Amino acid sequence: MSGRPVVLVVEDERDMRKVLFLALRSHGHRVAEAADGKQALAKFREVAPHVVLVDLGLPDMDGVDVVASVRRESDVPIIILSARS
């Protein structure tokens, strides 16, 4: 993906992904999506996003593990999305 900034949204809740997708697209970003940690890491390597939004509560792995894996490969900005306290 080239041109406009790419945001990778890692969120298991479909409705929340849709809201984030629409909001980001309306501000000129291209959006790649992943519903779990495994998809997130594959998509991260595929699209080389400019920023990653990560939900910590993913079905297959903890979002913290996704962040750690991304950080080992890149210094791309990461924003955590979480309902955890």
C-alpha atoms as a PDB file:
ATOM      1  CA  MET A   1       0.000   0.000   0.000  1.00  0.00           C
ATOM      2  CA  SER A   2       1.548   3.289  -1.038  1.00  0.00           C
ATOM      3  CA  GLY A   3       0.502   6.940  -1.099  1.00  0.00           C
ATOM      4  CA  ARG A   4      -1.783   7.851   1.777  1.00  0.00           C
ATOM      5  CA  PRO A   5      -0.791   6.715   5.281  1.00  0.00           C
ATOM      6  CA  VAL A   6      -1.706   3.137   6.144  1.00  0.00           C
ATOM      7  CA  VAL A   7      -3.179   2.291   9.539  1.00  0.00           C
ATOM      8  CA  LEU A   8      -3.347  -1.320  10.683  1.00  0.00           C
ATOM      9  CA  VAL A   9      -6.364  -1.833  12.945  1.00  0.00           C
ATOM     10  CA  VAL A  10      -6.103  -4.940  15.135  1.00  0.00           C
ATOM     11  CA  GLU A  11      -9.521  -5.438  16.743  1.00  0.00           C
ATOM     12  CA  ASP A  12     -11.536  -8.621  17.197  1.00  0.00           C
ATOM     13  CA  GLU A  13     -14.929  -6.908  17.469  1.00  0.00           C
ATOM     14  CA  ARG A  14     -16.279  -6.459  13.954  1.00  0.00           C
ATOM     15  CA  ASP A  15     -18.441  -3.433  14.788  1.00  0.00           C
ATOM     16  CA  MET A  16     -15.538  -1.605  16.416  1.00  0.00           C
ATOM     17  CA  ARG A  17     -13.291  -2.394  13.430  1.00  0.00           C
ATOM     18  CA  LYS A  18     -15.956  -0.952  11.137  1.00  0.00           C
ATOM     19  CA  VAL A  19     -16.224   2.267  13.182  1.00  0.00           C
ATOM     20  CA  LEU A  20     -12.443   2.695  13.200  1.00  0.00           C
ATOM     21  CA  PHE A  21     -12.233   1.861   9.485  1.00  0.00           C
ATOM     22  CA  LEU A  22     -14.843   4.475   8.560  1.00  0.00           C
ATOM     23  CA  ALA A  23     -13.354   7.158  10.821  1.00  0.00           C
ATOM     24  CA  LEU A  24      -9.825   6.633   9.550  1.00  0.00           C
ATOM     25  CA  ARG A  25     -10.889   6.480   5.895  1.00  0.00           C
ATOM     26  CA  SER A  26     -12.848   9.732   6.303  1.00  0.00           C
ATOM     27  CA  HIS A  27      -9.573  11.381   7.345  1.00  0.00           C
ATOM     28  CA  GLY A  28      -7.693  10.139   4.283  1.00  0.00           C
ATOM     29  CA  HIS A  29      -6.003   7.048   5.682  1.00  0.00           C
ATOM     30  CA  ARG A  30      -5.899   3.641   4.089  1.00  0.00           C
ATOM     31  CA  VAL A  31      -6.859   0.946   6.544  1.00  0.00           C
ATOM     32  CA  ALA A  32      -5.697  -2.647   6.834  1.00  0.00           C
ATOM     33  CA  GLU A  33      -7.606  -4.823   9.281  1.00  0.00           C
ATOM     34  CA  ALA A  34      -6.915  -7.877  11.419  1.00  0.00           C
ATOM     35  CA  ALA A  35      -9.284  -9.685  13.789  1.00  0.00           C
ATOM     36  CA  ASP A  36      -6.662 -11.566  15.800  1.00  0.00           C
ATOM     37  CA  GLY A  37      -2.964 -11.601  16.640  1.00  0.00           C
ATOM     38  CA  LYS A  38      -1.891 -14.062  13.969  1.00  0.00           C
ATOM     39  CA  GLN A  39      -3.658 -12.060  11.247  1.00  0.00           C
ATOM     40  CA  ALA A  40      -2.197  -8.858  12.684  1.00  0.00           C
ATOM     41  CA  LEU A  41       1.393 -10.026  12.399  1.00  0.00           C
ATOM     42  CA  ALA A  42       0.877 -11.340   8.872  1.00  0.00           C
ATOM     43  CA  LYS A  43      -0.859  -8.127   7.778  1.00  0.00           C
ATOM     44  CA  PHE A  44       1.841  -6.020   9.467  1.00  0.00           C
ATOM     45  CA  ARG A  45       4.512  -7.711   7.373  1.00  0.00           C
ATOM     46  CA  GLU A  46       2.391  -7.499   4.225  1.00  0.00           C
ATOM     47  CA  VAL A  47       1.428  -3.805   4.271  1.00  0.00           C
ATOM     48  CA  ALA A  48       4.180  -2.106   6.358  1.00  0.00           C
ATOM     49  CA  PRO A  49       1.729   0.299   8.044  1.00  0.00           C
ATOM     50  CA  HIS A  50       2.611   3.803   9.229  1.00  0.00           C
ATOM     51  CA  VAL A  51       0.833   3.202  12.554  1.00  0.00           C
ATOM     52  CA  VAL A  52      -0.753   0.222  14.318  1.00  0.00           C
ATOM     53  CA  LEU A  53      -3.872   0.379  16.524  1.00  0.00           C
ATOM     54  CA  VAL A  54      -3.983  -2.711  18.762  1.00  0.00           C
ATOM     55  CA  ASP A  55      -6.740  -4.004  21.006  1.00  0.00           C
ATOM     56  CA  LEU A  56      -5.212  -5.839  23.955  1.00  0.00           C
ATOM     57  CA  GLY A  57      -8.058  -8.359  24.229  1.00  0.00           C
ATOM     58  CA  LEU A  58      -7.605 -10.561  21.171  1.00  0.00           C
ATOM     59  CA  PRO A  59      -9.006 -14.094  20.864  1.00  0.00           C
ATOM     60  CA  ASP A  60      -5.808 -15.972  20.009  1.00  0.00           C
ATOM     61  CA  MET A  61      -3.084 -14.036  21.824  1.00  0.00           C
ATOM     62  CA  ASP A  62      -2.679 -11.082  24.130  1.00  0.00           C
ATOM     63  CA  GLY A  63      -2.340  -7.725  22.372  1.00  0.00           C
ATOM     64  CA  VAL A  64       0.797  -7.106  24.443  1.00  0.00           C
ATOM     65  CA  ASP A  65       2.386 -10.049  22.621  1.00  0.00           C
ATOM     66  CA  VAL A  66       1.400  -8.518  19.282  1.00  0.00           C
ATOM     67  CA  VAL A  67       2.986  -5.226  20.341  1.00  0.00           C
ATOM     68  CA  ALA A  68       6.178  -7.014  21.425  1.00  0.00           C
ATOM     69  CA  SER A  69       6.406  -8.860  18.094  1.00  0.00           C
ATOM     70  CA  VAL A  70       5.859  -5.675  16.092  1.00  0.00           C
ATOM     71  CA  ARG A  71       8.393  -3.809  18.205  1.00  0.00           C
ATOM     72  CA  ARG A  72      11.061  -6.466  17.548  1.00  0.00           C
ATOM     73  CA  GLU A  73      10.671  -5.753  13.816  1.00  0.00           C
ATOM     74  CA  SER A  74       9.922  -2.041  13.648  1.00  0.00           C
ATOM     75  CA  ASP A  75       9.743   1.265  15.482  1.00  0.00           C
ATOM     76  CA  VAL A  76       6.373   2.079  13.874  1.00  0.00           C
ATOM     77  CA  PRO A  77       4.065   4.014  16.239  1.00  0.00           C
ATOM     78  CA  ILE A  78       1.666   1.748  18.152  1.00  0.00           C
ATOM     79  CA  ILE A  79      -1.545   2.928  19.804  1.00  0.00           C
ATOM     80  CA  ILE A  80      -3.176   0.641  22.346  1.00  0.00           C
ATOM     81  CA  LEU A  81      -6.970   0.257  22.345  1.00  0.00           C
ATOM     82  CA  SER A  82      -8.272  -1.366  25.491  1.00  0.00           C
ATOM     83  CA  ALA A  83     -11.126  -1.570  27.946  1.00  0.00           C
ATOM     84  CA  ARG A  84      -8.699  -2.893  30.568  1.00  0.00           C
ATOM     85  CA  SER A  85      -8.258  -0.725  33.620  1.00  0.00           C
END
